[in-house]
Amino acid sequence: MKHEHEKAVKEKRRLAQKLSLELLGPIIGKMPKSSIESLEKLSYLPKIQRHILDIIQVADPRVVRHDLKAAFPPFIRTEAAFGKRNLYLLKDAVVSPDSGMVWIGNRILEESVGSLRRIMDWGDMLHEPLLPVSELKSDEPVVVCPPAAGYYHWLLEVLPNLLFALSRFPEVKIVLPENSPAYVMDGLSMILGPEAADRFIFCSTPLKVRNLVMPQYLTAPEFTSPQVIDLLKSQVKPKVVAEETSGVPASGTKLYISRRKSRRRRLLGEEELERKLQEKGFSILHLEGVSFQEQIRIFHQADTVVSTHGAGLSNLVWSEPPCRVIEIFPKNYILDCFAWLSFSQGFDYRYVICSTGHKIDDEAMAAVLRQL
């Protein structure tokens, strides 16, 4: 009986795979079995090798361990390994302006996305190889600057990779999706200066490129490498904050980053917490209406930052020690990316978990206020 049931289940799976292949084509229809591969792993194949013009290493591998005075539970990690980071100069590759995903033939290149998890889950890119492909008829090298899955990933993954590309290819053109978010256009215009628009190539569909600079994305986006932090502080921050003051201790601003205007991961009870924090001298910040430049200025001046978990905390990269960070989590969603970002800069990191789920209850509110 068991054998017959197992045989029937396997047959269902085979039929589902066949149907998926018929409906979704040879790339997505085979996911995740064989469609995503490392470019370097496949580089022995002549059909792949002919697309590789150069491989340029821009960061060495390293292991980072944070030795902290306070003890943290296992879900707040204090150690991470970072692999080497490369730029790949590719010939005749297809790239998505929305995600940066690159494919050659029927193979999605793992280095362009970092991990299968990003493709299959939160990256929202599985449909892209099904879209019609345009061709860029230019021999100039280009790099894609996608908005990624939001501000955190753009600021701490995409932008650093763009800076790596610019350091090796100073005249590189930049492919952007049409209707790019304001934080992308605002940030690029500030960083590249008045001639920024001359570099931009806007595209609404995947693009076949003759000379593509493909930065390598790492597998664990929740960990920001020390080199990326240094890169942003040295090449971006001085464009807003004078170099002679960019590394000095903060000037005493106390911030609460509100998510009341956000459509995702809002916590009930924020209004009451904001009122109590304002009584203690905190400024309430709604980042939706704050420019990229102003976010750099504000966080540079912060010495205390309180926030529920959200992308606004990515701006901690602009802060300087001594800085205290208090992050508020719902009990069913805890991610330690901002703990890591805080540890990496020597900040005093604390966290509070709301025991009632998506509500800042009295106990959580009291815990926040105790740690100020």
Protein backbone atom coordinates (compact mmCIF):
# COMPACT_ATOMS: atom_id res chain seq x y z
CA MET A 1 0.00 0.00 0.00
CA LYS A 2 2.79 2.40 0.94
CA HIS A 3 4.64 1.60 -2.31
CA GLU A 4 1.54 2.36 -4.41
CA HIS A 5 0.93 5.65 -2.57
CA GLU A 6 4.57 6.69 -3.03
CA LYS A 7 4.41 5.83 -6.72
CA ALA A 8 1.25 7.94 -7.16
CA VAL A 9 2.77 10.92 -5.36
CA LYS A 10 5.93 10.74 -7.50
CA GLU A 11 3.81 10.63 -10.64
CA LYS A 12 1.91 13.74 -9.51
CA ARG A 13 5.20 15.53 -8.94
CA ARG A 14 6.47 14.49 -12.39
CA LEU A 15 3.30 15.75 -14.06
CA ALA A 16 3.47 19.03 -12.12
CA GLN A 17 7.08 19.53 -13.26
CA LYS A 18 6.12 18.79 -16.87
CA LEU A 19 3.22 21.23 -16.71
CA SER A 20 5.44 23.87 -15.10
CA LEU A 21 7.98 23.45 -17.90
CA GLU A 22 5.29 23.79 -20.55
CA LEU A 23 3.72 26.88 -18.97
CA LEU A 24 6.81 28.72 -17.72
CA GLY A 25 9.53 27.77 -20.20
CA PRO A 26 13.02 26.29 -19.81
CA ILE A 27 14.30 28.77 -17.19
CA ILE A 28 11.54 29.28 -14.63
CA GLY A 29 9.89 25.95 -15.42
CA LYS A 30 12.94 24.12 -14.06
CA MET A 31 13.26 26.15 -10.88
CA PRO A 32 14.88 25.47 -8.57
CA LYS A 33 16.41 22.27 -9.93
CA SER A 34 18.91 23.46 -12.49
CA SER A 35 18.16 26.97 -13.71
CA ILE A 36 20.28 28.93 -11.24
CA GLU A 37 24.01 28.28 -11.19
CA SER A 38 27.21 30.02 -10.22
CA LEU A 39 28.91 31.68 -13.17
CA GLU A 40 32.30 30.63 -11.84
CA LYS A 41 31.14 27.04 -11.38
CA LEU A 42 29.95 26.92 -15.00
CA SER A 43 32.93 28.80 -16.44
CA TYR A 44 34.53 25.57 -17.70
CA LEU A 45 31.75 25.24 -20.29
CA PRO A 46 32.66 26.80 -23.66
CA LYS A 47 29.09 28.13 -24.11
CA ILE A 48 29.45 30.03 -20.81
CA GLN A 49 33.15 30.82 -21.08
CA ARG A 50 32.69 32.81 -24.28
CA HIS A 51 30.47 35.29 -22.39
CA ILE A 52 33.10 36.06 -19.71
CA LEU A 53 35.41 38.94 -20.64
CA ASP A 54 36.93 39.55 -17.20
CA ILE A 55 36.59 38.77 -13.49
CA ILE A 56 37.78 41.51 -11.11
CA GLN A 57 38.00 40.91 -7.37
CA VAL A 58 37.02 43.99 -5.34
CA ALA A 59 36.82 42.57 -1.80
CA ASP A 60 38.64 39.80 0.05
CA PRO A 61 36.85 37.07 2.02
CA ARG A 62 36.79 37.52 5.78
CA VAL A 63 35.14 36.33 8.99
CA VAL A 64 33.80 38.97 11.39
CA ARG A 65 33.18 38.29 15.08
CA HIS A 66 31.78 40.89 17.45
CA ASP A 67 32.97 40.50 21.04
CA LEU A 68 30.24 42.15 23.07
CA LYS A 69 29.93 42.85 26.78
CA ALA A 70 26.22 41.99 26.80
CA ALA A 71 24.95 38.47 26.09
CA PHE A 72 22.48 38.01 23.24
CA PRO A 73 20.23 35.05 22.31
CA PRO A 74 21.04 32.93 19.22
CA PHE A 75 18.63 34.87 16.98
CA ILE A 76 20.80 37.96 17.44
CA ARG A 77 23.93 36.73 15.69
CA THR A 78 27.38 38.12 16.36
CA GLU A 79 29.50 36.25 13.79
CA ALA A 80 29.36 36.12 10.00
CA ALA A 81 31.51 34.97 7.08
CA PHE A 82 31.80 37.13 3.97
CA GLY A 83 32.96 35.56 0.73
CA LYS A 84 35.06 37.36 -1.81
CA ARG A 85 33.24 39.92 -3.93
CA ASN A 86 33.80 40.21 -7.69
CA LEU A 87 32.79 42.28 -10.66
CA TYR A 88 32.12 40.26 -13.82
CA LEU A 89 32.43 41.82 -17.25
CA LEU A 90 30.08 39.80 -19.46
CA LYS A 91 29.40 39.75 -23.17
CA ASP A 92 25.87 39.33 -24.57
CA ALA A 93 24.05 38.69 -21.28
CA VAL A 94 20.43 39.49 -20.42
CA VAL A 95 19.69 41.54 -17.30
CA SER A 96 16.53 42.72 -15.57
CA PRO A 97 16.43 46.44 -14.75
CA ASP A 98 13.99 45.74 -11.89
CA SER A 99 15.97 43.11 -9.96
CA GLY A 100 19.45 43.00 -11.50
CA MET A 101 19.01 39.28 -12.19
CA VAL A 102 21.24 38.15 -15.08
CA TRP A 103 20.85 35.12 -17.31
CA ILE A 104 22.79 33.57 -20.17
CA GLY A 105 20.82 31.14 -22.29
CA ASN A 106 18.74 29.09 -19.85
CA ARG A 107 20.95 29.77 -16.82
CA ILE A 108 20.30 32.41 -14.18
CA LEU A 109 23.63 33.52 -12.71
CA GLU A 110 23.67 33.06 -8.96
CA GLU A 111 26.15 35.88 -8.41
CA SER A 112 23.65 38.40 -9.81
CA VAL A 113 21.05 37.69 -7.12
CA GLY A 114 23.00 36.22 -4.20
CA SER A 115 20.78 33.26 -3.39
CA LEU A 116 17.97 31.03 -4.54
CA ARG A 117 15.91 32.26 -1.56
CA ARG A 118 15.82 35.77 -3.03
CA ILE A 119 14.49 34.44 -6.35
CA MET A 120 11.97 31.97 -4.93
CA ASP A 121 10.68 34.08 -2.06
CA TRP A 122 10.90 37.81 -1.34
CA GLY A 123 12.68 39.09 -4.44
CA ASP A 124 9.56 38.91 -6.68
CA MET A 125 11.56 38.12 -9.82
CA LEU A 126 10.47 34.65 -10.94
CA HIS A 127 8.40 36.07 -13.78
CA GLU A 128 11.18 38.15 -15.34
CA PRO A 129 12.64 35.57 -17.78
CA LEU A 130 9.14 35.28 -19.27
CA LEU A 131 9.11 38.94 -20.33
CA PRO A 132 10.10 40.12 -23.84
CA VAL A 133 13.77 41.09 -24.15
CA SER A 134 15.03 44.34 -25.70
CA GLU A 135 18.57 44.83 -27.01
CA LEU A 136 20.90 47.65 -26.08
CA LYS A 137 22.86 48.44 -29.22
CA SER A 138 25.90 49.97 -27.61
CA ASP A 139 29.39 48.69 -26.86
CA GLU A 140 29.77 50.91 -23.77
CA PRO A 141 29.90 49.00 -20.47
CA VAL A 142 26.70 49.23 -18.43
CA VAL A 143 25.70 48.28 -14.91
CA VAL A 144 22.19 47.86 -13.54
CA CYS A 145 21.02 49.77 -10.45
CA PRO A 146 17.73 48.10 -9.48
CA PRO A 147 15.55 49.41 -6.64
CA ALA A 148 15.83 45.88 -5.17
CA ALA A 149 13.21 44.86 -2.61
CA GLY A 150 13.21 48.21 -0.87
CA TYR A 151 15.44 50.83 0.71
CA TYR A 152 17.46 48.50 2.94
CA HIS A 153 18.62 46.31 0.07
CA TRP A 154 19.25 49.25 -2.24
CA LEU A 155 21.30 51.23 0.30
CA LEU A 156 23.35 48.37 1.74
CA GLU A 157 23.64 46.04 -1.28
CA VAL A 158 22.91 47.74 -4.62
CA LEU A 159 24.50 51.13 -3.98
CA PRO A 160 27.81 49.70 -2.67
CA ASN A 161 27.99 47.39 -5.70
CA LEU A 162 27.40 50.38 -7.96
CA LEU A 163 30.27 52.19 -6.21
CA PHE A 164 32.51 49.16 -6.75
CA ALA A 165 31.58 49.21 -10.45
CA LEU A 166 32.25 52.95 -10.75
CA SER A 167 35.67 52.54 -9.13
CA ARG A 168 36.75 50.16 -11.93
CA PHE A 169 34.65 51.53 -14.79
CA PRO A 170 34.38 55.31 -14.15
CA GLU A 171 32.37 56.01 -17.33
CA VAL A 172 29.93 53.11 -16.96
CA LYS A 173 26.34 53.74 -18.01
CA ILE A 174 23.59 52.91 -15.49
CA VAL A 175 20.47 50.95 -16.44
CA LEU A 176 17.39 51.82 -14.37
CA PRO A 177 13.78 50.66 -14.49
CA GLU A 178 11.23 53.21 -15.60
CA ASN A 179 9.55 54.90 -12.63
CA SER A 180 12.42 54.15 -10.27
CA PRO A 181 11.64 55.05 -6.63
CA ALA A 182 12.53 58.53 -5.41
CA TYR A 183 15.23 57.20 -3.07
CA VAL A 184 17.09 55.71 -6.06
CA MET A 185 16.94 58.84 -8.23
CA ASP A 186 17.58 61.17 -5.29
CA GLY A 187 20.58 59.15 -4.12
CA LEU A 188 22.14 58.73 -7.56
CA SER A 189 21.74 62.41 -8.42
CA MET A 190 23.43 63.40 -5.18
CA ILE A 191 26.30 60.92 -5.53
CA LEU A 192 26.99 61.38 -9.26
CA GLY A 193 26.44 65.12 -9.45
CA PRO A 194 24.85 67.34 -12.13
CA GLU A 195 25.88 65.06 -15.02
CA ALA A 196 24.16 62.01 -13.49
CA ALA A 197 21.28 61.97 -15.98
CA ASP A 198 23.73 61.56 -18.88
CA ARG A 199 24.59 58.11 -17.55
CA PHE A 200 21.04 56.80 -17.19
CA ILE A 201 19.40 54.28 -19.51
CA PHE A 202 15.76 53.63 -18.62
CA CYS A 203 14.19 50.34 -19.62
CA SER A 204 10.89 48.59 -18.83
CA THR A 205 11.84 45.05 -19.89
CA PRO A 206 14.88 42.75 -19.60
CA LEU A 207 17.77 43.99 -21.68
CA LYS A 208 20.35 42.11 -23.72
CA VAL A 209 23.66 43.91 -23.20
CA ARG A 210 26.88 43.64 -25.19
CA ASN A 211 29.15 44.62 -22.28
CA LEU A 212 27.59 44.15 -18.86
CA VAL A 213 29.31 44.86 -15.54
CA MET A 214 27.66 42.39 -13.15
CA PRO A 215 28.43 42.96 -9.45
CA GLN A 216 28.38 39.96 -7.16
CA TYR A 217 25.70 39.80 -4.46
CA LEU A 218 26.37 37.81 -1.31
CA THR A 219 24.10 35.06 -0.01
CA ALA A 220 23.15 36.59 3.36
CA PRO A 221 21.85 40.15 2.86
CA GLU A 222 21.12 40.55 6.57
CA PHE A 223 24.85 40.93 7.22
CA THR A 224 26.52 44.14 6.03
CA SER A 225 30.27 43.83 5.61
CA PRO A 226 32.68 46.29 7.26
CA GLN A 227 33.98 47.20 3.82
CA VAL A 228 30.50 48.28 2.67
CA ILE A 229 30.05 50.44 5.77
CA ASP A 230 33.44 52.06 5.19
CA LEU A 231 32.64 52.58 1.50
CA LEU A 232 29.37 54.40 2.23
CA LYS A 233 30.89 56.51 4.99
CA SER A 234 33.92 57.50 2.90
CA GLN A 235 32.36 58.01 -0.55
CA VAL A 236 28.75 59.03 0.08
CA LYS A 237 28.47 60.65 3.50
CA PRO A 238 31.10 63.39 2.89
CA LYS A 239 29.00 64.69 -0.01
CA VAL A 240 26.45 65.78 2.61
CA VAL A 241 28.40 66.08 5.86
CA ALA A 242 31.70 67.95 5.78
CA GLU A 243 34.62 65.51 5.81
CA GLU A 244 36.17 67.12 8.86
CA THR A 245 33.00 66.37 10.89
CA SER A 246 31.77 63.11 9.34
CA GLY A 247 33.46 60.91 11.91
CA VAL A 248 33.01 62.96 15.06
CA PRO A 249 30.64 61.96 17.88
CA ALA A 250 26.97 62.73 17.32
CA SER A 251 25.48 66.02 18.46
CA GLY A 252 22.68 64.66 20.63
CA THR A 253 19.56 64.23 18.47
CA LYS A 254 17.09 61.69 19.81
CA LEU A 255 15.01 60.04 17.07
CA TYR A 256 11.93 57.87 16.92
CA ILE A 257 11.34 56.43 13.45
CA SER A 258 7.59 56.11 13.04
CA ARG A 259 5.96 53.50 10.80
CA ARG A 260 2.44 54.84 11.19
CA LYS A 261 2.40 55.90 7.51
CA SER A 262 3.81 52.61 6.30
CA ARG A 263 1.65 49.98 4.66
CA ARG A 264 3.67 47.08 6.10
CA ARG A 265 4.71 45.91 9.57
CA ARG A 266 2.96 48.69 11.44
CA LEU A 267 2.55 48.18 15.19
CA LEU A 268 -0.53 49.29 17.07
CA GLY A 269 0.15 51.60 19.98
CA GLU A 270 2.74 53.76 18.24
CA GLU A 271 0.81 56.95 18.95
CA GLU A 272 1.11 56.48 22.72
CA LEU A 273 4.79 55.57 22.52
CA GLU A 274 5.47 58.63 20.36
CA ARG A 275 3.73 60.87 22.90
CA LYS A 276 5.85 59.51 25.76
CA LEU A 277 9.06 59.80 23.76
CA GLN A 278 8.28 63.37 22.77
CA GLU A 279 8.00 64.18 26.48
CA LYS A 280 11.59 62.94 26.78
CA GLY A 281 12.88 65.16 23.99
CA PHE A 282 12.58 62.79 21.01
CA SER A 283 11.87 63.97 17.48
CA ILE A 284 9.30 61.86 15.61
CA LEU A 285 10.51 61.07 12.11
CA HIS A 286 8.39 59.93 9.15
CA LEU A 287 11.03 59.02 6.58
CA GLU A 288 8.59 58.73 3.68
CA GLY A 289 8.87 62.46 3.06
CA VAL A 290 12.55 62.97 3.87
CA SER A 291 15.14 63.28 1.10
CA PHE A 292 18.16 61.00 0.84
CA GLN A 293 20.51 63.87 1.75
CA GLU A 294 18.46 64.91 4.76
CA GLN A 295 18.34 61.35 6.09
CA ILE A 296 22.14 61.32 6.06
CA ARG A 297 22.26 64.63 7.99
CA ILE A 298 19.66 63.57 10.54
CA PHE A 299 21.20 60.19 11.36
CA HIS A 300 24.69 61.65 11.49
CA GLN A 301 23.49 63.82 14.39
CA ALA A 302 21.66 61.06 16.27
CA ASP A 303 22.86 59.75 19.60
CA THR A 304 19.69 57.71 20.35
CA VAL A 305 17.49 55.95 17.80
CA VAL A 306 14.29 54.12 18.73
CA SER A 307 12.28 52.32 16.06
CA THR A 308 10.13 49.36 15.27
CA HIS A 309 11.87 46.99 12.84
CA GLY A 310 11.92 48.55 9.37
CA ALA A 311 14.05 49.86 6.52
CA GLY A 312 14.45 53.29 8.11
CA LEU A 313 17.03 51.77 10.44
CA SER A 314 19.28 51.23 7.41
CA ASN A 315 20.24 54.87 7.93
CA LEU A 316 22.19 53.82 11.02
CA VAL A 317 25.05 53.47 8.55
CA TRP A 318 25.28 57.29 8.65
CA SER A 319 25.43 57.47 12.46
CA GLU A 320 28.53 57.67 14.63
CA PRO A 321 29.32 56.31 18.09
CA PRO A 322 28.34 56.81 20.80
CA CYS A 323 24.84 55.91 19.63
CA ARG A 324 22.19 53.89 21.44
CA VAL A 325 19.74 51.89 19.30
CA ILE A 326 16.50 50.40 20.67
CA GLU A 327 14.68 48.20 18.16
CA ILE A 328 11.09 47.03 18.73
CA PHE A 329 9.99 43.68 17.25
CA PRO A 330 6.61 42.00 16.95
CA LYS A 331 6.91 38.58 18.57
CA ASN A 332 6.47 36.71 15.28
CA TYR A 333 9.01 38.63 13.16
CA ILE A 334 12.56 39.11 14.39
CA LEU A 335 15.46 39.79 12.04
CA ASP A 336 18.89 40.81 13.31
CA CYS A 337 20.16 42.88 10.36
CA PHE A 338 20.10 46.15 12.34
CA ALA A 339 21.63 44.54 15.40
CA TRP A 340 24.51 43.51 13.14
CA LEU A 341 24.75 46.98 11.61
CA SER A 342 24.88 48.44 15.13
CA PHE A 343 27.50 45.98 16.40
CA SER A 344 29.65 46.70 13.34
CA GLN A 345 29.85 50.37 14.28
CA GLY A 346 30.27 50.01 18.03
CA PHE A 347 26.76 51.15 18.94
CA ASP A 348 24.91 50.30 22.15
CA TYR A 349 22.19 48.02 20.75
CA ARG A 350 19.08 46.99 22.72
CA TYR A 351 15.85 45.31 21.61
CA VAL A 352 12.31 44.85 22.89
CA ILE A 353 9.86 42.14 21.78
CA CYS A 354 6.12 42.85 21.94
CA SER A 355 4.53 39.89 23.70
CA THR A 356 1.07 40.63 22.26
CA GLY A 357 2.17 40.37 18.62
CA HIS A 358 1.77 43.46 16.43
CA LYS A 359 1.03 45.86 19.25
CA ILE A 360 3.32 47.91 21.49
CA ASP A 361 1.73 46.78 24.77
CA ASP A 362 2.31 48.38 28.17
CA GLU A 363 5.11 45.96 29.01
CA ALA A 364 7.00 46.65 25.78
CA MET A 365 6.48 50.41 26.16
CA ALA A 366 7.86 50.33 29.68
CA ALA A 367 10.86 48.30 28.50
CA VAL A 368 11.65 50.87 25.81
CA LEU A 369 11.44 53.77 28.26
CA ARG A 370 13.62 51.98 30.84
CA GLN A 371 16.46 51.62 28.32
CA LEU A 372 16.68 55.24 27.23
